[in-house]
Amino acid sequence: MEGPRNVDVISLGCRLNLAESERIRAMLAGEQDVVVVNSCAVTGEAVRQTRQTIRRARRDRPHARLLVTGCAAEIEREQLSAMPEIDGLVANTQKLDPRAWNVPPSAPPAVSNHTRAFIAVQNGCDHSCTFCVIPQGRGPGRSLTIAQVLEEVSRHLDRGAPEIVLTGVDVTSWGNDLPGKPPLGTLVSAILDQFPDLLRLRMSSLDGIEIDPLMFELFASETRLMPHLHLSLQHGHDLILKRMKRRHSRKDAIDLVAALRKSRPDLAVGADLIAGFPTEDADMHTANLEIIGELGIVHGHIFPYSPRPNTPAARMPQVAKPLIKQRAAQLRAEVTRVRNKWLNTRIGVPLQVLAERDGTGYSPDFVRVAVPEGTAAGTITTITPTLLTKGLLQ
């Protein structure tokens, strides 16, 4: 008969969840037969996947204690509580507090399952985008101090992490709740100054309108800051951006990317884009499609719009679901076209690739590259790709 199994933490959604899942795994390291689902509720599809993951986890671990945390545990609390597979819910705002899990307050350092170390420098959000439920799930914005972040970076570097990723709900708002309201560039500069041996520092999704002058200068000139800018863009039409209650315009995004590329031509741009936002007509959708080529978006996250509870957008005139699905497919196809054209320019170019554990790795501009068999995870090796197969350089 099989004995008790260890702790499994299943992370859904954003990179912030990944960072928090590693902390949870460390806190529960002394427990047995526990499964934690760190859920997502950013879209209706994310909630569906959360439910599906919970059911699958229960089938795979029928005797384990199954606990759910994350945004869905807040926003869909009543519905998840009714699921018979779940043994308990842990509030999203308390998931890094050992008391919420009934474990001792001291825990071993979090050991990443990734070669890249994710550090959550910020949590929560003070904005009120009309489509978004994340403030309901994570609360107001709050930041780690510079000293706290430097301590986290030091711990990961001591364990040999070759790349640090700074993440959060609204990373560019880091510092707004700290004395003096330091901008994000101050934090990034402090990390780079404090740790000259840090090989690679990468930023997760940023709100372009909040990128401060020092952060801009670091992106433009600091080679250890990876040339990979992922924008919380959401749409390519100004009226939709206004109805989303975003604070940037189409021109703001285009001007930002153009200015950065003047100093850093190797900059790879990613973006979040929503298909079928309420009131979106054919011309608005065309503008959304066209901005992919205008910005050269090669890392695209496409979200079909789905109404979220208690949000203003849910009360706006809705686009028909089949049309949303069709428009999302067109956005994905355009990103694939732009991305493949870009990837073909990387063939024959030596790339510094950080090997992951799955036989692939990532270049500084986040190109996924096959690594030679036997390459140790966490090592950086020079690879000159010779072909592109199904989005993977080899």
Protein backbone atom coordinates (compact mmCIF):
# COMPACT_ATOMS: atom_id res chain seq x y z
CA MET A 1 0.00 0.00 0.00
CA GLU A 2 1.32 3.44 -0.97
CA GLY A 3 2.31 5.63 1.97
CA PRO A 4 1.50 9.33 2.44
CA ARG A 5 2.71 11.62 -0.33
CA ASN A 6 4.27 15.03 0.04
CA VAL A 7 2.95 18.49 -0.75
CA ASP A 8 1.86 19.42 -4.27
CA VAL A 9 1.23 23.08 -5.11
CA ILE A 10 -0.52 23.65 -8.44
CA SER A 11 -0.15 27.20 -9.71
CA LEU A 12 -2.55 28.75 -12.21
CA GLY A 13 -2.45 32.15 -13.85
CA CYS A 14 0.17 34.84 -13.43
CA ARG A 15 3.85 34.89 -12.54
CA LEU A 16 2.95 36.38 -9.18
CA ASN A 17 1.09 33.17 -8.41
CA LEU A 18 4.21 31.22 -9.39
CA ALA A 19 6.31 33.20 -6.92
CA GLU A 20 3.72 32.80 -4.17
CA SER A 21 3.35 29.08 -4.86
CA GLU A 22 7.04 28.58 -4.18
CA ARG A 23 6.65 30.33 -0.82
CA ILE A 24 3.61 28.18 -0.01
CA ARG A 25 5.52 25.02 -0.94
CA ALA A 26 8.31 26.04 1.44
CA MET A 27 5.88 26.78 4.28
CA LEU A 28 4.20 23.38 3.91
CA ALA A 29 7.42 21.42 3.44
CA GLY A 30 6.90 19.49 6.68
CA GLU A 31 3.33 18.44 5.85
CA GLN A 32 2.21 15.22 4.19
CA ASP A 33 -0.57 14.42 1.74
CA VAL A 34 -1.54 18.00 1.00
CA VAL A 35 -2.52 19.47 -2.38
CA VAL A 36 -2.83 23.23 -2.81
CA VAL A 37 -4.44 24.82 -5.87
CA ASN A 38 -3.31 28.44 -6.19
CA SER A 39 -6.17 29.61 -8.38
CA CYS A 40 -6.82 32.33 -10.94
CA ALA A 41 -9.99 34.31 -11.69
CA VAL A 42 -8.81 36.86 -14.25
CA THR A 43 -11.33 35.54 -16.82
CA GLY A 44 -14.30 33.20 -16.86
CA GLU A 45 -12.09 30.66 -18.62
CA ALA A 46 -9.53 30.93 -15.80
CA VAL A 47 -12.27 30.08 -13.28
CA ARG A 48 -13.35 27.11 -15.43
CA GLN A 49 -9.75 25.87 -15.52
CA THR A 50 -9.53 26.31 -11.75
CA ARG A 51 -12.57 24.08 -11.24
CA GLN A 52 -11.20 21.55 -13.72
CA THR A 53 -7.83 21.53 -11.95
CA ILE A 54 -9.49 20.97 -8.56
CA ARG A 55 -11.45 17.99 -9.87
CA ARG A 56 -8.37 16.51 -11.52
CA ALA A 57 -6.32 16.99 -8.35
CA ARG A 58 -8.94 15.16 -6.32
CA ARG A 59 -8.98 12.25 -8.78
CA ASP A 60 -5.17 12.06 -8.70
CA ARG A 61 -4.93 12.39 -4.91
CA PRO A 62 -8.18 10.97 -3.49
CA HIS A 63 -6.90 10.79 0.11
CA ALA A 64 -5.01 14.09 0.24
CA ARG A 65 -6.14 17.24 2.02
CA LEU A 66 -7.05 19.56 -0.86
CA LEU A 67 -6.87 23.30 -0.14
CA VAL A 68 -7.59 26.18 -2.52
CA THR A 69 -6.24 29.72 -2.40
CA GLY A 70 -5.66 32.47 -4.98
CA CYS A 71 -7.98 34.98 -6.60
CA ALA A 72 -10.78 32.51 -7.33
CA ALA A 73 -10.85 31.61 -3.63
CA GLU A 74 -11.86 35.24 -3.00
CA ILE A 75 -13.98 36.16 -6.00
CA GLU A 76 -15.73 32.80 -6.45
CA ARG A 77 -15.64 31.82 -2.77
CA GLU A 78 -19.28 30.77 -2.48
CA GLN A 79 -19.17 28.64 -5.63
CA LEU A 80 -15.88 26.95 -4.74
CA SER A 81 -17.04 26.27 -1.20
CA ALA A 82 -19.84 24.15 -2.67
CA MET A 83 -17.39 21.85 -4.50
CA PRO A 84 -17.21 18.52 -2.64
CA GLU A 85 -13.61 17.97 -3.75
CA ILE A 86 -12.32 20.86 -1.61
CA ASP A 87 -11.37 20.45 2.06
CA GLY A 88 -10.79 24.13 2.74
CA LEU A 89 -10.20 27.62 1.34
CA VAL A 90 -7.34 29.94 2.34
CA ALA A 91 -7.94 33.65 1.81
CA ASN A 92 -5.79 35.10 -0.96
CA THR A 93 -4.57 37.94 1.26
CA GLN A 94 -3.45 35.41 3.91
CA LYS A 95 -1.83 32.74 1.76
CA LEU A 96 1.73 33.75 2.71
CA ASP A 97 0.89 33.77 6.42
CA PRO A 98 1.86 30.44 8.06
CA ARG A 99 -1.01 30.84 10.55
CA ALA A 100 -3.51 30.45 7.69
CA TRP A 101 -2.09 26.96 7.02
CA ASN A 102 -1.66 25.96 10.68
CA VAL A 103 2.09 25.49 10.29
CA PRO A 104 5.01 26.89 12.34
CA PRO A 105 5.95 30.50 11.51
CA SER A 106 9.50 29.56 10.47
CA ALA A 107 9.88 27.79 7.15
CA PRO A 108 12.83 26.74 5.02
CA PRO A 109 13.73 29.09 2.15
CA ALA A 110 11.57 28.65 -0.91
CA VAL A 111 13.32 26.54 -3.53
CA SER A 112 12.20 27.37 -7.05
CA ASN A 113 11.03 24.67 -9.45
CA HIS A 114 12.28 27.00 -12.19
CA THR A 115 15.80 28.05 -13.12
CA ARG A 116 14.49 31.62 -12.98
CA ALA A 117 13.68 32.97 -9.52
CA PHE A 118 10.41 34.92 -9.27
CA ILE A 119 10.26 37.66 -6.63
CA ALA A 120 6.91 39.30 -5.86
CA VAL A 121 7.95 42.88 -5.16
CA GLN A 122 4.39 44.21 -5.18
CA ASN A 123 0.85 42.94 -4.63
CA GLY A 124 -2.67 44.29 -5.03
CA CYS A 125 -3.89 47.13 -7.26
CA ASP A 126 -5.28 50.64 -6.70
CA HIS A 127 -6.65 51.08 -10.21
CA SER A 128 -10.20 50.40 -11.35
CA CYS A 129 -10.11 49.04 -14.89
CA THR A 130 -13.70 48.34 -15.85
CA PHE A 131 -13.09 44.70 -16.84
CA CYS A 132 -10.90 43.60 -13.95
CA VAL A 133 -11.65 41.71 -10.72
CA ILE A 134 -8.07 41.45 -9.52
CA PRO A 135 -8.43 44.29 -6.95
CA GLN A 136 -11.32 42.26 -5.48
CA GLY A 137 -9.08 39.22 -5.24
CA ARG A 138 -5.87 40.85 -4.04
CA GLY A 139 -6.81 44.10 -2.33
CA PRO A 140 -5.03 47.48 -2.48
CA GLY A 141 -1.48 47.96 -3.73
CA ARG A 142 1.34 47.25 -1.32
CA SER A 143 5.09 47.03 -1.86
CA LEU A 144 8.09 45.30 -0.39
CA THR A 145 10.77 47.73 0.73
CA ILE A 146 14.06 47.92 -1.15
CA ALA A 147 15.77 46.18 1.78
CA GLN A 148 13.26 43.32 1.69
CA VAL A 149 13.70 42.86 -2.06
CA LEU A 150 17.50 42.92 -1.79
CA GLU A 151 17.30 40.26 0.90
CA GLU A 152 15.13 38.07 -1.37
CA VAL A 153 17.50 38.55 -4.31
CA SER A 154 20.47 37.67 -2.12
CA ARG A 155 18.85 34.41 -0.99
CA HIS A 156 18.15 33.34 -4.56
CA LEU A 157 21.64 34.25 -5.74
CA ASP A 158 23.17 32.32 -2.84
CA ARG A 159 21.32 29.26 -4.18
CA GLY A 160 22.72 29.86 -7.64
CA ALA A 161 19.79 31.47 -9.50
CA PRO A 162 21.14 32.82 -12.81
CA GLU A 163 18.08 35.00 -13.49
CA ILE A 164 15.77 37.02 -11.26
CA VAL A 165 12.25 37.97 -12.40
CA LEU A 166 10.48 40.83 -10.63
CA THR A 167 6.75 40.29 -10.57
CA GLY A 168 3.56 41.64 -9.01
CA VAL A 169 -0.03 42.58 -9.80
CA ASP A 170 0.88 46.12 -10.91
CA VAL A 171 4.68 46.16 -10.82
CA THR A 172 5.09 49.71 -12.11
CA SER A 173 3.10 51.00 -9.12
CA TRP A 174 5.79 49.61 -6.81
CA GLY A 175 6.72 52.19 -4.21
CA ASN A 176 3.49 54.20 -4.24
CA ASP A 177 2.75 53.11 -0.66
CA LEU A 178 6.33 53.54 0.63
CA PRO A 179 7.79 56.70 2.24
CA GLY A 180 8.74 59.17 -0.45
CA LYS A 181 6.97 57.08 -3.14
CA PRO A 182 10.14 55.87 -4.88
CA PRO A 183 9.66 54.88 -8.54
CA LEU A 184 10.31 51.37 -9.84
CA GLY A 185 13.57 52.45 -11.47
CA THR A 186 14.98 53.13 -8.01
CA LEU A 187 14.39 49.53 -6.99
CA VAL A 188 15.80 48.06 -10.20
CA SER A 189 18.86 50.29 -9.99
CA ALA A 190 19.43 49.23 -6.37
CA ILE A 191 19.33 45.55 -7.33
CA LEU A 192 21.80 45.99 -10.19
CA ASP A 193 24.14 48.10 -8.04
CA GLN A 194 24.00 45.76 -5.04
CA PHE A 195 24.59 42.58 -7.04
CA PRO A 196 27.17 43.13 -9.79
CA ASP A 197 27.38 39.34 -10.25
CA LEU A 198 23.66 39.04 -11.10
CA LEU A 199 23.64 37.79 -14.69
CA ARG A 200 20.06 38.46 -15.75
CA LEU A 201 17.24 40.59 -14.35
CA ARG A 202 13.86 40.36 -16.08
CA MET A 203 10.68 42.36 -15.57
CA SER A 204 7.20 40.88 -15.74
CA SER A 205 4.20 42.78 -17.15
CA LEU A 206 4.51 46.57 -16.89
CA ASP A 207 2.05 49.43 -17.33
CA GLY A 208 3.81 51.49 -19.99
CA ILE A 209 2.33 54.82 -18.87
CA GLU A 210 3.95 54.35 -15.42
CA ILE A 211 7.50 53.58 -16.60
CA ASP A 212 9.59 56.28 -14.89
CA PRO A 213 12.61 58.02 -16.51
CA LEU A 214 15.19 55.94 -14.60
CA MET A 215 13.40 52.70 -15.49
CA PHE A 216 13.35 53.82 -19.13
CA GLU A 217 17.07 54.56 -19.04
CA LEU A 218 17.84 51.17 -17.51
CA PHE A 219 15.83 49.40 -20.20
CA ALA A 220 17.66 51.40 -22.84
CA SER A 221 21.20 50.91 -21.57
CA GLU A 222 21.64 48.17 -18.94
CA THR A 223 22.63 44.89 -20.59
CA ARG A 224 21.87 42.83 -17.47
CA LEU A 225 18.25 44.00 -17.64
CA MET A 226 16.78 41.67 -20.23
CA PRO A 227 15.58 43.24 -23.53
CA HIS A 228 12.05 41.95 -23.00
CA LEU A 229 9.24 44.42 -22.33
CA HIS A 230 5.80 42.95 -21.67
CA LEU A 231 3.14 45.66 -21.73
CA SER A 232 -0.21 45.62 -19.98
CA LEU A 233 -1.64 47.05 -23.21
CA GLN A 234 -5.14 45.46 -23.37
CA HIS A 235 -6.29 47.07 -26.65
CA GLY A 236 -5.25 49.03 -29.72
CA HIS A 237 -8.20 51.43 -30.04
CA ASP A 238 -8.43 54.62 -28.00
CA LEU A 239 -12.19 54.53 -27.36
CA ILE A 240 -12.02 50.98 -26.05
CA LEU A 241 -9.03 51.93 -23.88
CA LYS A 242 -11.12 54.79 -22.49
CA ARG A 243 -14.05 52.46 -21.80
CA MET A 244 -11.63 50.06 -20.12
CA LYS A 245 -10.51 53.02 -17.96
CA ARG A 246 -6.92 52.51 -18.99
CA ARG A 247 -4.62 55.51 -18.60
CA HIS A 248 -2.66 55.22 -21.86
CA SER A 249 -3.52 55.81 -25.49
CA ARG A 250 -2.53 53.89 -28.59
CA LYS A 251 0.02 56.61 -29.38
CA ASP A 252 1.52 56.35 -25.89
CA ALA A 253 2.33 52.69 -26.47
CA ILE A 254 3.72 53.24 -29.96
CA ASP A 255 5.89 56.17 -28.83
CA LEU A 256 7.25 54.25 -25.84
CA VAL A 257 8.31 51.23 -27.88
CA ALA A 258 9.81 53.40 -30.64
CA ALA A 259 11.83 55.41 -28.12
CA LEU A 260 13.16 52.31 -26.40
CA ARG A 261 14.09 50.63 -29.66
CA LYS A 262 16.20 53.63 -30.67
CA SER A 263 18.58 52.76 -27.84
CA ARG A 264 17.92 49.02 -27.71
CA PRO A 265 17.12 47.60 -31.13
CA ASP A 266 17.06 44.03 -29.74
CA LEU A 267 14.04 44.82 -27.53
CA ALA A 268 11.38 42.09 -27.75
CA VAL A 269 7.86 43.31 -27.02
CA GLY A 270 5.09 41.32 -25.42
CA ALA A 271 1.59 42.48 -24.58
CA ASP A 272 -1.75 41.49 -23.10
CA LEU A 273 -4.65 42.07 -25.50
CA ILE A 274 -8.37 41.54 -24.92
CA ALA A 275 -10.59 40.40 -27.79
CA GLY A 276 -14.26 41.35 -27.99
CA PHE A 277 -14.44 43.95 -25.21
CA PRO A 278 -18.02 45.29 -24.84
CA THR A 279 -18.99 47.78 -27.60
CA GLU A 280 -16.05 46.68 -29.80
CA ASP A 281 -17.04 47.02 -33.46
CA ALA A 282 -15.23 45.79 -36.58
CA ASP A 283 -13.08 48.93 -36.94
CA MET A 284 -12.03 48.75 -33.29
CA HIS A 285 -11.08 45.11 -33.72
CA THR A 286 -9.05 46.03 -36.80
CA ALA A 287 -7.14 48.60 -34.73
CA ASN A 288 -6.47 45.88 -32.16
CA LEU A 289 -5.12 43.61 -34.89
CA GLU A 290 -2.98 46.33 -36.45
CA ILE A 291 -1.20 47.35 -33.26
CA ILE A 292 0.38 43.87 -33.11
CA GLY A 293 2.36 44.63 -36.26
CA GLU A 294 2.95 48.28 -35.37
CA LEU A 295 4.56 47.40 -32.04
CA GLY A 296 6.08 44.16 -33.30
CA ILE A 297 4.40 42.13 -30.56
CA VAL A 298 6.18 38.77 -30.50
CA HIS A 299 5.07 37.58 -27.06
CA GLY A 300 1.30 37.97 -27.06
CA HIS A 301 -1.19 36.97 -24.38
CA ILE A 302 -4.65 37.03 -25.95
CA PHE A 303 -7.70 37.01 -23.67
CA PRO A 304 -11.21 36.56 -25.05
CA TYR A 305 -13.34 38.98 -23.03
CA SER A 306 -15.60 37.41 -20.44
CA PRO A 307 -17.75 39.44 -18.03
CA ARG A 308 -16.49 39.29 -14.48
CA PRO A 309 -18.74 39.73 -11.41
CA ASN A 310 -19.36 43.24 -10.10
CA THR A 311 -17.41 45.03 -12.85
CA PRO A 312 -18.67 47.99 -14.94
CA ALA A 313 -17.79 46.26 -18.21
CA ALA A 314 -20.20 43.44 -17.40
CA ARG A 315 -23.04 46.01 -17.61
CA MET A 316 -21.94 47.37 -21.01
CA PRO A 317 -23.39 46.12 -24.35
CA GLN A 318 -21.72 42.76 -24.94
CA VAL A 319 -20.17 41.35 -28.11
CA ALA A 320 -21.60 37.97 -29.14
CA LYS A 321 -19.53 35.07 -27.82
CA PRO A 322 -18.93 33.43 -31.24
CA LEU A 323 -17.61 36.76 -32.53
CA ILE A 324 -15.34 37.14 -29.48
CA LYS A 325 -13.94 33.68 -30.15
CA GLN A 326 -13.39 34.51 -33.82
CA ARG A 327 -11.64 37.81 -33.03
CA ALA A 328 -9.41 36.16 -30.41
CA ALA A 329 -8.35 33.58 -33.00
CA GLN A 330 -7.50 36.36 -35.45
CA LEU A 331 -5.40 38.15 -32.83
CA ARG A 332 -3.54 34.93 -32.01
CA ALA A 333 -2.92 34.27 -35.70
CA GLU A 334 -1.49 37.76 -36.17
CA VAL A 335 0.82 37.39 -33.17
CA THR A 336 1.97 34.04 -34.60
CA ARG A 337 2.67 35.65 -37.97
CA VAL A 338 4.66 38.52 -36.46
CA ARG A 339 6.44 36.17 -34.05
CA ASN A 340 7.46 33.64 -36.71
CA LYS A 341 8.80 36.40 -38.93
CA TRP A 342 10.88 37.64 -36.00
CA LEU A 343 12.04 34.16 -34.98
CA ASN A 344 13.34 33.53 -38.47
CA THR A 345 15.67 36.51 -38.03
CA ARG A 346 17.20 34.71 -35.03
CA ILE A 347 18.30 31.71 -37.13
CA GLY A 348 22.08 31.75 -37.46
CA VAL A 349 22.46 34.24 -34.59
CA PRO A 350 24.37 33.06 -31.47
CA LEU A 351 22.01 33.23 -28.48
CA GLN A 352 22.82 33.06 -24.77
CA VAL A 353 20.28 30.48 -23.61
CA LEU A 354 19.38 29.76 -20.00
CA ALA A 355 18.54 26.05 -19.87
CA GLU A 356 15.31 24.95 -18.22
CA ARG A 357 14.47 21.39 -17.08
CA ASP A 358 12.42 20.41 -20.12
CA GLY A 359 15.11 20.34 -22.80
CA THR A 360 14.56 23.97 -23.81
CA GLY A 361 15.75 27.32 -22.57
CA TYR A 362 15.30 31.06 -23.00
CA SER A 363 17.45 33.73 -24.59
CA PRO A 364 17.59 37.27 -23.12
CA ASP A 365 14.72 38.36 -25.40
CA PHE A 366 12.69 35.33 -24.25
CA VAL A 367 13.09 33.24 -27.36
CA ARG A 368 12.45 29.56 -26.60
CA VAL A 369 15.34 27.44 -27.87
CA ALA A 370 16.04 23.70 -27.77
CA VAL A 371 19.19 22.93 -25.76
CA PRO A 372 21.54 20.00 -26.36
CA GLU A 373 20.77 16.80 -24.47
CA GLY A 374 22.60 16.70 -21.15
CA THR A 375 22.71 20.48 -20.69
CA ALA A 376 22.35 21.15 -16.98
CA ALA A 377 19.31 23.20 -15.98
CA GLY A 378 20.28 26.65 -14.78
CA THR A 379 23.35 26.96 -16.98
CA ILE A 380 23.73 29.56 -19.73
CA THR A 381 25.07 28.22 -22.99
CA THR A 382 25.64 29.73 -26.43
CA ILE A 383 23.40 28.20 -29.11
CA THR A 384 23.22 29.18 -32.76
CA PRO A 385 19.83 28.00 -34.06
CA THR A 386 19.62 26.51 -37.55
CA LEU A 387 15.88 26.04 -37.97
CA LEU A 388 12.46 26.91 -36.60
CA THR A 389 10.01 24.10 -35.89
CA LYS A 390 6.54 24.80 -34.44
CA GLY A 391 7.68 27.99 -32.72
CA LEU A 392 10.83 26.40 -31.28
CA LEU A 393 14.30 27.37 -32.46
CA GLN A 394 16.69 24.45 -32.80
